[in-house]
PDB file of N, CA and C in Angstrom:
ATOM      1  N   MET A   1      34.957 -68.831  22.205  1.00  0.00           N
ATOM      2  CA  MET A   1      35.666 -68.100  21.097  1.00  0.00           C
ATOM      3  C   MET A   1      36.917 -67.370  22.360  1.00  0.00           C
ATOM      4  N   ASN A   2      38.304 -67.656  21.685  1.00  0.00           N
ATOM      5  CA  ASN A   2      39.174 -66.869  22.539  1.00  0.00           C
ATOM      6  C   ASN A   2      39.904 -65.207  21.980  1.00  0.00           C
ATOM      7  N   TYR A   3      39.614 -64.486  22.724  1.00  0.00           N
ATOM      8  CA  TYR A   3      40.203 -62.955  22.576  1.00  0.00           C
ATOM      9  C   TYR A   3      41.409 -62.476  23.189  1.00  0.00           C
ATOM     10  N   ASP A   4      42.327 -62.240  22.646  1.00  0.00           N
ATOM     11  CA  ASP A   4      43.500 -62.334  22.896  1.00  0.00           C
ATOM     12  C   ASP A   4      43.456 -60.827  23.688  1.00  0.00           C
ATOM     13  N   VAL A   5      43.877 -60.028  24.631  1.00  0.00           N
ATOM     14  CA  VAL A   5      43.677 -58.788  25.178  1.00  0.00           C
ATOM     15  C   VAL A   5      45.340 -58.387  25.605  1.00  0.00           C
ATOM     16  N   TYR A   6      45.824 -57.725  24.693  1.00  0.00           N
ATOM     17  CA  TYR A   6      46.808 -56.762  24.662  1.00  0.00           C
ATOM     18  C   TYR A   6      47.040 -55.194  26.008  1.00  0.00           C
ATOM     19  N   GLN A   7      47.542 -55.074  26.844  1.00  0.00           N
ATOM     20  CA  GLN A   7      47.828 -54.404  27.567  1.00  0.00           C
ATOM     21  C   GLN A   7      49.245 -53.282  27.811  1.00  0.00           C
ATOM     22  N   ILE A   8      48.777 -52.263  28.393  1.00  0.00           N
ATOM     23  CA  ILE A   8      50.333 -51.321  28.574  1.00  0.00           C
ATOM     24  C   ILE A   8      50.402 -51.398  30.073  1.00  0.00           C
ATOM     25  N   ASN A   9      51.667 -52.217  31.050  1.00  0.00           N
ATOM     26  CA  ASN A   9      51.957 -52.324  32.153  1.00  0.00           C
ATOM     27  C   ASN A   9      53.014 -51.748  32.554  1.00  0.00           C
ATOM     28  N   PHE A  10      53.245 -50.796  32.983  1.00  0.00           N
ATOM     29  CA  PHE A  10      54.617 -50.238  33.176  1.00  0.00           C
ATOM     30  C   PHE A  10      55.248 -50.919  34.682  1.00  0.00           C
ATOM     31  N   SER A  11      56.246 -51.519  34.491  1.00  0.00           N
ATOM     32  CA  SER A  11      56.964 -51.871  35.711  1.00  0.00           C
ATOM     33  C   SER A  11      57.087 -50.692  36.696  1.00  0.00           C
ATOM     34  N   ARG A  12      57.792 -51.051  37.322  1.00  0.00           N
ATOM     35  CA  ARG A  12      57.844 -50.412  38.521  1.00  0.00           C
ATOM     36  C   ARG A  12      59.217 -49.365  38.274  1.00  0.00           C
ATOM     37  N   GLU A  13      60.215 -49.971  37.971  1.00  0.00           N
ATOM     38  CA  GLU A  13      61.533 -49.594  36.498  1.00  0.00           C
ATOM     39  C   GLU A  13      61.122 -48.683  35.841  1.00  0.00           C
ATOM     40  N   GLU A  14      60.089 -48.705  35.364  1.00  0.00           N
ATOM     41  CA  GLU A  14      59.627 -48.094  34.376  1.00  0.00           C
ATOM     42  C   GLU A  14      58.841 -46.573  34.310  1.00  0.00           C
ATOM     43  N   VAL A  15      58.196 -46.755  35.489  1.00  0.00           N
ATOM     44  CA  VAL A  15      57.339 -45.536  35.978  1.00  0.00           C
ATOM     45  C   VAL A  15      58.640 -44.604  36.836  1.00  0.00           C
ATOM     46  N   ASN A  16      59.612 -45.342  37.425  1.00  0.00           N
ATOM     47  CA  ASN A  16      60.430 -44.463  38.505  1.00  0.00           C
ATOM     48  C   ASN A  16      61.443 -43.447  36.892  1.00  0.00           C
ATOM     49  N   GLN A  17      61.819 -44.362  36.122  1.00  0.00           N
ATOM     50  CA  GLN A  17      62.363 -43.166  34.597  1.00  0.00           C
ATOM     51  C   GLN A  17      61.408 -42.057  34.014  1.00  0.00           C
ATOM     52  N   ILE A  18      59.566 -42.831  34.001  1.00  0.00           N
ATOM     53  CA  ILE A  18      58.522 -41.983  33.694  1.00  0.00           C
ATOM     54  C   ILE A  18      59.250 -40.557  34.723  1.00  0.00           C
ATOM     55  N   ASN A  19      58.967 -40.982  35.457  1.00  0.00           N
ATOM     56  CA  ASN A  19      58.709 -39.782  36.589  1.00  0.00           C
ATOM     57  C   ASN A  19      60.093 -38.952  36.954  1.00  0.00           C
ATOM     58  N   ALA A  20      61.483 -39.858  36.713  1.00  0.00           N
ATOM     59  CA  ALA A  20      62.740 -38.882  36.597  1.00  0.00           C
ATOM     60  C   ALA A  20      62.975 -38.028  35.212  1.00  0.00           C
ATOM     61  N   GLY A  21      61.863 -38.399  34.343  1.00  0.00           N
ATOM     62  CA  GLY A  21      61.974 -37.430  33.150  1.00  0.00           C
ATOM     63  C   GLY A  21      62.646 -38.432  32.179  1.00  0.00           C
ATOM     64  N   GLY A  22      62.496 -39.838  32.047  1.00  0.00           N
ATOM     65  CA  GLY A  22      62.948 -40.386  31.061  1.00  0.00           C
ATOM     66  C   GLY A  22      61.954 -41.480  30.613  1.00  0.00           C
ATOM     67  N   MET A  23      62.130 -41.978  28.976  1.00  0.00           N
ATOM     68  CA  MET A  23      61.213 -42.772  28.728  1.00  0.00           C
ATOM     69  C   MET A  23      59.938 -41.295  28.589  1.00  0.00           C
ATOM     70  N   LYS A  24      60.413 -40.362  28.351  1.00  0.00           N
ATOM     71  CA  LYS A  24      59.251 -39.127  27.770  1.00  0.00           C
ATOM     72  C   LYS A  24      58.654 -40.197  26.359  1.00  0.00           C
ATOM     73  N   GLU A  25      58.642 -39.485  25.609  1.00  0.00           N
ATOM     74  CA  GLU A  25      58.136 -40.323  24.227  1.00  0.00           C
ATOM     75  C   GLU A  25      57.585 -41.992  24.571  1.00  0.00           C
ATOM     76  N   ASP A  26      57.546 -42.651  25.361  1.00  0.00           N
ATOM     77  CA  ASP A  26      56.825 -43.703  25.288  1.00  0.00           C
ATOM     78  C   ASP A  26      55.931 -43.399  26.203  1.00  0.00           C
ATOM     79  N   TYR A  27      56.248 -42.392  27.516  1.00  0.00           N
ATOM     80  CA  TYR A  27      54.933 -41.930  28.372  1.00  0.00           C
ATOM     81  C   TYR A  27      54.161 -41.498  27.404  1.00  0.00           C
ATOM     82  N   ASN A  28      53.778 -40.185  26.123  1.00  0.00           N
ATOM     83  CA  ASN A  28      53.390 -38.946  25.350  1.00  0.00           C
ATOM     84  C   ASN A  28      52.859 -40.687  24.924  1.00  0.00           C
ATOM     85  N   LEU A  29      53.404 -41.320  24.072  1.00  0.00           N
ATOM     86  CA  LEU A  29      52.465 -42.524  23.245  1.00  0.00           C
ATOM     87  C   LEU A  29      51.524 -43.542  24.396  1.00  0.00           C
ATOM     88  N   TYR A  30      52.046 -43.247  25.381  1.00  0.00           N
ATOM     89  CA  TYR A  30      51.008 -43.907  26.653  1.00  0.00           C
ATOM     90  C   TYR A  30      49.768 -42.986  26.611  1.00  0.00           C
ATOM     91  N   LEU A  31      50.191 -41.480  26.585  1.00  0.00           N
ATOM     92  CA  LEU A  31      48.803 -41.062  26.998  1.00  0.00           C
ATOM     93  C   LEU A  31      47.621 -40.704  25.691  1.00  0.00           C
ATOM     94  N   ASN A  32      48.340 -41.076  24.214  1.00  0.00           N
ATOM     95  CA  ASN A  32      47.625 -40.987  22.950  1.00  0.00           C
ATOM     96  C   ASN A  32      46.703 -42.477  23.370  1.00  0.00           C
ATOM     97  N   THR A  33      47.430 -43.072  23.899  1.00  0.00           N
ATOM     98  CA  THR A  33      46.529 -44.468  23.621  1.00  0.00           C
ATOM     99  C   THR A  33      45.422 -44.891  24.953  1.00  0.00           C
ATOM    100  N   VAL A  34      46.102 -44.665  25.725  1.00  0.00           N
ATOM    101  CA  VAL A  34      44.962 -44.738  26.975  1.00  0.00           C
ATOM    102  C   VAL A  34      44.256 -43.831  27.603  1.00  0.00           C
ATOM    103  N   CYS A  35      44.757 -42.338  27.581  1.00  0.00           N
ATOM    104  CA  CYS A  35      43.860 -41.611  28.055  1.00  0.00           C
ATOM    105  C   CYS A  35      43.204 -40.351  27.228  1.00  0.00           C
ATOM    106  N   PHE A  36      44.121 -40.797  25.936  1.00  0.00           N
ATOM    107  CA  PHE A  36      43.314 -39.882  24.835  1.00  0.00           C
ATOM    108  C   PHE A  36      43.397 -40.986  23.694  1.00  0.00           C
ATOM    109  N   PRO A  37      42.637 -41.739  23.667  1.00  0.00           N
ATOM    110  CA  PRO A  37      42.668 -42.938  22.660  1.00  0.00           C
ATOM    111  C   PRO A  37      42.230 -42.957  21.634  1.00  0.00           C
ATOM    112  N   LYS A  38      43.667 -43.172  20.763  1.00  0.00           N
ATOM    113  CA  LYS A  38      43.725 -42.603  18.991  1.00  0.00           C
ATOM    114  C   LYS A  38      44.107 -43.347  18.552  1.00  0.00           C
ATOM    115  N   VAL A  39      43.054 -43.964  17.770  1.00  0.00           N
ATOM    116  CA  VAL A  39      43.713 -45.221  16.516  1.00  0.00           C
ATOM    117  C   VAL A  39      44.590 -45.101  15.937  1.00  0.00           C
ATOM    118  N   ALA A  40      45.337 -43.885  15.272  1.00  0.00           N
ATOM    119  CA  ALA A  40      46.207 -43.112  14.814  1.00  0.00           C
ATOM    120  C   ALA A  40      47.655 -43.746  15.978  1.00  0.00           C
ATOM    121  N   ALA A  41      47.628 -43.419  16.917  1.00  0.00           N
ATOM    122  CA  ALA A  41      48.580 -43.446  18.041  1.00  0.00           C
ATOM    123  C   ALA A  41      49.114 -44.722  18.199  1.00  0.00           C
ATOM    124  N   ILE A  42      47.854 -46.056  18.137  1.00  0.00           N
ATOM    125  CA  ILE A  42      48.048 -47.589  18.345  1.00  0.00           C
ATOM    126  C   ILE A  42      49.129 -48.156  17.825  1.00  0.00           C
ATOM    127  N   LEU A  43      50.007 -48.024  16.594  1.00  0.00           N
ATOM    128  CA  LEU A  43      50.492 -48.872  16.046  1.00  0.00           C
ATOM    129  C   LEU A  43      52.204 -48.150  16.691  1.00  0.00           C
ATOM    130  N   PRO A  44      52.459 -46.883  16.415  1.00  0.00           N
ATOM    131  CA  PRO A  44      53.713 -46.298  17.000  1.00  0.00           C
ATOM    132  C   PRO A  44      54.163 -46.474  18.549  1.00  0.00           C
ATOM    133  N   ALA A  45      52.912 -47.284  19.152  1.00  0.00           N
ATOM    134  CA  ALA A  45      52.881 -47.452  20.469  1.00  0.00           C
ATOM    135  C   ALA A  45      52.755 -48.899  21.074  1.00  0.00           C
ATOM    136  N   ARG A  46      53.221 -49.970  19.530  1.00  0.00           N
ATOM    137  CA  ARG A  46      52.967 -51.157  19.529  1.00  0.00           C
ATOM    138  C   ARG A  46      54.015 -51.692  21.216  1.00  0.00           C
ATOM    139  N   HIS A  47      54.475 -51.616  20.788  1.00  0.00           N
ATOM    140  CA  HIS A  47      56.121 -51.809  21.435  1.00  0.00           C
ATOM    141  C   HIS A  47      55.978 -51.998  23.087  1.00  0.00           C
ATOM    142  N   LEU A  48      55.407 -51.254  23.849  1.00  0.00           N
ATOM    143  CA  LEU A  48      54.728 -50.715  24.567  1.00  0.00           C
ATOM    144  C   LEU A  48      53.374 -51.862  24.975  1.00  0.00           C
ATOM    145  N   TYR A  49      52.979 -52.486  24.403  1.00  0.00           N
ATOM    146  CA  TYR A  49      51.950 -53.479  24.288  1.00  0.00           C
ATOM    147  C   TYR A  49      52.294 -54.837  24.396  1.00  0.00           C
ATOM    148  N   LYS A  50      51.605 -55.497  25.997  1.00  0.00           N
ATOM    149  CA  LYS A  50      51.965 -56.739  26.376  1.00  0.00           C
ATOM    150  C   LYS A  50      51.007 -58.171  25.735  1.00  0.00           C
ATOM    151  N   LYS A  51      51.175 -59.091  25.323  1.00  0.00           N
ATOM    152  CA  LYS A  51      49.221 -59.856  25.688  1.00  0.00           C
ATOM    153  C   LYS A  51      49.623 -59.864  27.457  1.00  0.00           C
ATOM    154  N   ALA A  52      48.613 -59.123  27.503  1.00  0.00           N
ATOM    155  CA  ALA A  52      48.172 -59.648  29.509  1.00  0.00           C
ATOM    156  C   ALA A  52      47.306 -61.174  29.663  1.00  0.00           C
ATOM    157  N   GLY A  53      46.799 -61.547  28.663  1.00  0.00           N
ATOM    158  CA  GLY A  53      45.906 -62.549  28.893  1.00  0.00           C
ATOM    159  C   GLY A  53      45.005 -63.170  28.167  1.00  0.00           C
ATOM    160  N   VAL A  54      44.058 -63.394  27.888  1.00  0.00           N
ATOM    161  CA  VAL A  54      42.958 -64.365  27.161  1.00  0.00           C
ATOM    162  C   VAL A  54      41.859 -64.216  27.890  1.00  0.00           C
ATOM    163  N   ILE A  55      40.555 -63.701  26.602  1.00  0.00           N
ATOM    164  CA  ILE A  55      39.581 -63.972  27.901  1.00  0.00           C
ATOM    165  C   ILE A  55      38.459 -65.360  26.365  1.00  0.00           C
ATOM    166  N   GLU A  56      37.449 -65.836  26.658  1.00  0.00           N
ATOM    167  CA  GLU A  56      36.772 -66.273  26.770  1.00  0.00           C
ATOM    168  C   GLU A  56      35.567 -65.804  26.932  1.00  0.00           C
ATOM    169  N   ALA A  57      34.827 -65.215  25.617  1.00  0.00           N
ATOM    170  CA  ALA A  57      33.879 -64.874  25.302  1.00  0.00           C
ATOM    171  C   ALA A  57      33.070 -64.901  24.004  1.00  0.00           C
ATOM    172  N   GLU A  58      31.679 -64.779  23.761  1.00  0.00           N
ATOM    173  CA  GLU A  58      31.080 -64.434  22.146  1.00  0.00           C
ATOM    174  C   GLU A  58      30.999 -63.527  21.356  1.00  0.00           C
ATOM    175  N   ASN A  59      31.910 -62.745  22.186  1.00  0.00           N
ATOM    176  CA  ASN A  59      31.911 -60.929  20.964  1.00  0.00           C
ATOM    177  C   ASN A  59      32.765 -60.007  22.273  1.00  0.00           C
ATOM    178  N   LEU A  60      33.186 -58.962  21.385  1.00  0.00           N
ATOM    179  CA  LEU A  60      33.399 -58.238  22.404  1.00  0.00           C
ATOM    180  C   LEU A  60      33.270 -57.288  23.230  1.00  0.00           C
ATOM    181  N   ASP A  61      31.503 -57.148  23.710  1.00  0.00           N
ATOM    182  CA  ASP A  61      31.537 -56.734  24.264  1.00  0.00           C
ATOM    183  C   ASP A  61      31.247 -57.234  25.241  1.00  0.00           C
ATOM    184  N   GLN A  62      31.371 -58.288  25.281  1.00  0.00           N
ATOM    185  CA  GLN A  62      30.985 -59.773  26.650  1.00  0.00           C
ATOM    186  C   GLN A  62      32.776 -59.826  26.575  1.00  0.00           C
ATOM    187  N   VAL A  63      33.395 -59.906  25.887  1.00  0.00           N
ATOM    188  CA  VAL A  63      35.213 -59.598  26.027  1.00  0.00           C
ATOM    189  C   VAL A  63      35.029 -58.514  27.465  1.00  0.00           C
ATOM    190  N   PHE A  64      34.636 -57.354  26.984  1.00  0.00           N
ATOM    191  CA  PHE A  64      34.923 -56.243  28.153  1.00  0.00           C
ATOM    192  C   PHE A  64      34.148 -56.515  29.451  1.00  0.00           C
ATOM    193  N   ASP A  65      32.651 -56.969  29.408  1.00  0.00           N
ATOM    194  CA  ASP A  65      32.139 -57.544  30.557  1.00  0.00           C
ATOM    195  C   ASP A  65      33.408 -58.111  31.369  1.00  0.00           C
ATOM    196  N   ILE A  66      33.341 -59.155  30.984  1.00  0.00           N
ATOM    197  CA  ILE A  66      34.294 -60.520  31.986  1.00  0.00           C
ATOM    198  C   ILE A  66      35.168 -59.730  32.114  1.00  0.00           C
ATOM    199  N   GLY A  67      35.904 -58.646  31.372  1.00  0.00           N
ATOM    200  CA  GLY A  67      37.297 -58.809  31.880  1.00  0.00           C
ATOM    201  C   GLY A  67      37.301 -57.476  33.248  1.00  0.00           C
ATOM    202  N   ASN A  68      36.017 -57.208  32.592  1.00  0.00           N
ATOM    203  CA  ASN A  68      35.911 -56.361  34.322  1.00  0.00           C
ATOM    204  C   ASN A  68      34.938 -56.597  35.313  1.00  0.00           C
ATOM    205  N   ILE A  69      33.818 -57.462  35.280  1.00  0.00           N
ATOM    206  CA  ILE A  69      33.109 -58.306  36.290  1.00  0.00           C
ATOM    207  C   ILE A  69      33.234 -60.117  36.542  1.00  0.00           C
ATOM    208  N   GLY A  70      34.082 -60.085  35.464  1.00  0.00           N
ATOM    209  CA  GLY A  70      34.121 -61.498  35.483  1.00  0.00           C
ATOM    210  C   GLY A  70      33.354 -62.925  34.849  1.00  0.00           C
ATOM    211  N   PRO A  71      32.706 -63.739  35.220  1.00  0.00           N
ATOM    212  CA  PRO A  71      33.656 -64.293  35.683  1.00  0.00           C
ATOM    213  C   PRO A  71      35.173 -64.871  35.939  1.00  0.00           C
ATOM    214  N   ASP A  72      35.485 -64.905  36.465  1.00  0.00           N
ATOM    215  CA  ASP A  72      37.424 -65.300  36.335  1.00  0.00           C
ATOM    216  C   ASP A  72      37.591 -66.445  35.776  1.00  0.00           C
ATOM    217  N   GLU A  73      36.572 -67.738  36.039  1.00  0.00           N
ATOM    218  CA  GLU A  73      37.216 -68.905  35.177  1.00  0.00           C
ATOM    219  C   GLU A  73      37.427 -68.668  33.764  1.00  0.00           C
ATOM    220  N   LYS A  74      37.036 -67.316  33.313  1.00  0.00           N
ATOM    221  CA  LYS A  74      36.888 -66.976  31.826  1.00  0.00           C
ATOM    222  C   LYS A  74      38.447 -66.380  31.426  1.00  0.00           C
ATOM    223  N   ILE A  75      39.354 -66.289  32.412  1.00  0.00           N
ATOM    224  CA  ILE A  75      40.128 -64.847  32.703  1.00  0.00           C
ATOM    225  C   ILE A  75      41.317 -66.131  32.506  1.00  0.00           C
ATOM    226  N   THR A  76      42.246 -66.024  31.678  1.00  0.00           N
ATOM    227  CA  THR A  76      43.859 -66.526  31.763  1.00  0.00           C
ATOM    228  C   THR A  76      44.623 -65.899  31.726  1.00  0.00           C
ATOM    229  N   ARG A  77      45.045 -65.431  32.864  1.00  0.00           N
ATOM    230  CA  ARG A  77      45.983 -64.285  32.724  1.00  0.00           C
ATOM    231  C   ARG A  77      47.255 -64.540  32.507  1.00  0.00           C
ATOM    232  N   LEU A  78      48.253 -63.577  32.157  1.00  0.00           N
ATOM    233  CA  LEU A  78      49.472 -64.150  31.150  1.00  0.00           C
ATOM    234  C   LEU A  78      50.663 -63.103  32.279  1.00  0.00           C
ATOM    235  N   GLY A  79      50.260 -62.283  32.440  1.00  0.00           N
ATOM    236  CA  GLY A  79      51.143 -61.362  33.319  1.00  0.00           C
ATOM    237  C   GLY A  79      50.328 -60.562  34.194  1.00  0.00           C
ATOM    238  N   PRO A  80      50.968 -59.197  34.750  1.00  0.00           N
ATOM    239  CA  PRO A  80      50.208 -58.283  35.090  1.00  0.00           C
ATOM    240  C   PRO A  80      48.900 -57.980  34.622  1.00  0.00           C
ATOM    241  N   PHE A  81      47.514 -57.589  34.982  1.00  0.00           N
ATOM    242  CA  PHE A  81      46.653 -57.772  33.868  1.00  0.00           C
ATOM    243  C   PHE A  81      45.430 -56.924  34.754  1.00  0.00           C
ATOM    244  N   HIS A  82      44.898 -55.786  34.325  1.00  0.00           N
ATOM    245  CA  HIS A  82      44.025 -54.876  35.042  1.00  0.00           C
ATOM    246  C   HIS A  82      42.847 -55.106  34.644  1.00  0.00           C
ATOM    247  N   SER A  83      41.708 -54.635  34.528  1.00  0.00           N
ATOM    248  CA  SER A  83      40.212 -54.677  33.815  1.00  0.00           C
ATOM    249  C   SER A  83      40.389 -54.460  32.450  1.00  0.00           C
ATOM    250  N   VAL A  84      39.965 -54.566  31.786  1.00  0.00           N
ATOM    251  CA  VAL A  84      39.841 -54.096  30.083  1.00  0.00           C
ATOM    252  C   VAL A  84      39.572 -52.616  30.371  1.00  0.00           C
ATOM    253  N   SER A  85      39.863 -52.142  29.899  1.00  0.00           N
ATOM    254  CA  SER A  85      39.747 -50.574  30.033  1.00  0.00           C
ATOM    255  C   SER A  85      40.331 -49.230  28.629  1.00  0.00           C
ATOM    256  N   VAL A  86      39.876 -48.601  28.601  1.00  0.00           N
ATOM    257  CA  VAL A  86      40.113 -47.672  27.238  1.00  0.00           C
ATOM    258  C   VAL A  86      41.524 -47.801  26.949  1.00  0.00           C
ATOM    259  N   GLY A  87      41.820 -47.968  25.648  1.00  0.00           N
ATOM    260  CA  GLY A  87      43.054 -48.199  25.066  1.00  0.00           C
ATOM    261  C   GLY A  87      43.935 -49.366  25.346  1.00  0.00           C
ATOM    262  N   ASP A  88      43.088 -50.764  25.486  1.00  0.00           N
ATOM    263  CA  ASP A  88      43.279 -52.046  25.485  1.00  0.00           C
ATOM    264  C   ASP A  88      43.732 -51.944  24.121  1.00  0.00           C
ATOM    265  N   ILE A  89      43.330 -53.183  23.395  1.00  0.00           N
ATOM    266  CA  ILE A  89      43.226 -53.662  22.439  1.00  0.00           C
ATOM    267  C   ILE A  89      43.303 -55.299  22.948  1.00  0.00           C
ATOM    268  N   VAL A  90      42.161 -55.660  22.239  1.00  0.00           N
ATOM    269  CA  VAL A  90      41.622 -56.576  21.907  1.00  0.00           C
ATOM    270  C   VAL A  90      41.127 -57.366  20.631  1.00  0.00           C
ATOM    271  N   VAL A  91      42.415 -58.400  20.539  1.00  0.00           N
ATOM    272  CA  VAL A  91      42.769 -59.713  19.175  1.00  0.00           C
ATOM    273  C   VAL A  91      41.349 -60.357  19.239  1.00  0.00           C
ATOM    274  N   ASP A  92      40.606 -60.817  17.962  1.00  0.00           N
ATOM    275  CA  ASP A  92      39.059 -61.682  17.779  1.00  0.00           C
ATOM    276  C   ASP A  92      39.742 -62.679  17.388  1.00  0.00           C
ATOM    277  N   PRO A  93      38.797 -63.890  17.411  1.00  0.00           N
ATOM    278  CA  PRO A  93      38.942 -65.241  16.667  1.00  0.00           C
ATOM    279  C   PRO A  93      39.431 -64.753  15.408  1.00  0.00           C
ATOM    280  N   ASP A  94      39.304 -63.970  14.075  1.00  0.00           N
ATOM    281  CA  ASP A  94      39.869 -62.948  13.265  1.00  0.00           C
ATOM    282  C   ASP A  94      40.894 -62.935  13.147  1.00  0.00           C
ATOM    283  N   ASN A  95      41.207 -62.552  13.990  1.00  0.00           N
ATOM    284  CA  ASN A  95      42.840 -61.547  14.149  1.00  0.00           C
ATOM    285  C   ASN A  95      42.497 -60.562  13.765  1.00  0.00           C
ATOM    286  N   LYS A  96      41.399 -59.800  13.999  1.00  0.00           N
ATOM    287  CA  LYS A  96      41.523 -58.441  13.937  1.00  0.00           C
ATOM    288  C   LYS A  96      41.223 -57.934  15.021  1.00  0.00           C
ATOM    289  N   ALA A  97      42.416 -56.439  15.163  1.00  0.00           N
ATOM    290  CA  ALA A  97      42.556 -55.917  16.968  1.00  0.00           C
ATOM    291  C   ALA A  97      41.871 -54.862  16.613  1.00  0.00           C
ATOM    292  N   TRP A  98      40.971 -54.519  18.078  1.00  0.00           N
ATOM    293  CA  TRP A  98      40.049 -53.745  18.047  1.00  0.00           C
ATOM    294  C   TRP A  98      40.752 -52.794  19.327  1.00  0.00           C
ATOM    295  N   LEU A  99      40.604 -51.683  19.328  1.00  0.00           N
ATOM    296  CA  LEU A  99      40.657 -50.586  20.243  1.00  0.00           C
ATOM    297  C   LEU A  99      39.591 -50.582  21.030  1.00  0.00           C
ATOM    298  N   VAL A 100      39.672 -51.020  22.235  1.00  0.00           N
ATOM    299  CA  VAL A 100      38.740 -50.088  23.408  1.00  0.00           C
ATOM    300  C   VAL A 100      38.632 -48.945  23.214  1.00  0.00           C
ATOM    301  N   ALA A 101      37.701 -48.305  23.010  1.00  0.00           N
ATOM    302  CA  ALA A 101      37.619 -46.532  22.894  1.00  0.00           C
ATOM    303  C   ALA A 101      36.841 -46.238  23.545  1.00  0.00           C
ATOM    304  N   SER A 102      36.486 -44.921  23.971  1.00  0.00           N
ATOM    305  CA  SER A 102      35.709 -44.451  24.844  1.00  0.00           C
ATOM    306  C   SER A 102      34.423 -45.061  25.306  1.00  0.00           C
ATOM    307  N   VAL A 103      33.514 -45.183  23.676  1.00  0.00           N
ATOM    308  CA  VAL A 103      32.593 -45.790  23.066  1.00  0.00           C
ATOM    309  C   VAL A 103      32.745 -46.669  22.316  1.00  0.00           C
ATOM    310  N   GLY A 104      32.253 -48.108  22.686  1.00  0.00           N
ATOM    311  CA  GLY A 104      32.755 -48.903  22.229  1.00  0.00           C
ATOM    312  C   GLY A 104      34.205 -49.574  21.837  1.00  0.00           C
ATOM    313  N   PHE A 105      34.181 -49.804  20.510  1.00  0.00           N
ATOM    314  CA  PHE A 105      35.406 -50.346  19.976  1.00  0.00           C
ATOM    315  C   PHE A 105      35.768 -50.155  18.636  1.00  0.00           C
ATOM    316  N   GLU A 106      37.455 -49.883  18.303  1.00  0.00           N
ATOM    317  CA  GLU A 106      37.619 -48.805  16.707  1.00  0.00           C
ATOM    318  C   GLU A 106      38.708 -50.223  15.740  1.00  0.00           C
ATOM    319  N   LEU A 107      38.731 -50.662  15.252  1.00  0.00           N
ATOM    320  CA  LEU A 107      39.661 -51.981  14.378  1.00  0.00           C
ATOM    321  C   LEU A 107      40.356 -50.663  14.321  1.00  0.00           C
ATOM    322  N   VAL A 108      41.548 -52.317  14.255  1.00  0.00           N
ATOM    323  CA  VAL A 108      43.383 -51.092  14.392  1.00  0.00           C
ATOM    324  C   VAL A 108      43.456 -51.831  12.908  1.00  0.00           C
ATOM    325  N   GLU A 109      43.688 -51.102  11.753  1.00  0.00           N
ATOM    326  CA  GLU A 109      44.743 -51.812  10.697  1.00  0.00           C
ATOM    327  C   GLU A 109      45.967 -52.125  10.610  1.00  0.00           C
ATOM    328  N   GLY A 110      46.537 -53.233  10.636  1.00  0.00           N
ATOM    329  CA  GLY A 110      48.093 -53.342  10.497  1.00  0.00           C
ATOM    330  C   GLY A 110      48.251 -53.823  11.683  1.00  0.00           C
ATOM    331  N   TRP A 111      48.271 -53.943  12.971  1.00  0.00           N
ATOM    332  CA  TRP A 111      48.448 -54.599  14.635  1.00  0.00           C
ATOM    333  C   TRP A 111      49.415 -55.712  14.184  1.00  0.00           C
ATOM    334  N   LYS A 112      48.799 -56.681  13.475  1.00  0.00           N
ATOM    335  CA  LYS A 112      49.580 -58.201  13.008  1.00  0.00           C
ATOM    336  C   LYS A 112      50.251 -58.117  11.680  1.00  0.00           C
TER     337      LYS A 112
END
């Protein structure tokens, strides 16, 4: 089964804007989704997420494992892709979105 992985990957230009004091709202959304993951913060931050890849797996736990240790041939990268981490979103074959939480996964209602 294929699972879509959505991640926040700021470009070098966006990082420079953040460091210069711009994009403050986007950076705060980033902190609430990645550093302090909260399902309630995901939808307002939706515009920051991009589909980064597709992982072939049997379940969410396997998506996490493959996204961190491979095998690499189970991952299709669509652009910048970091290891599957807290704050990422995984969309399962039933089109349900899941936040990668500090422990496990939390359902994100209204993602699509």
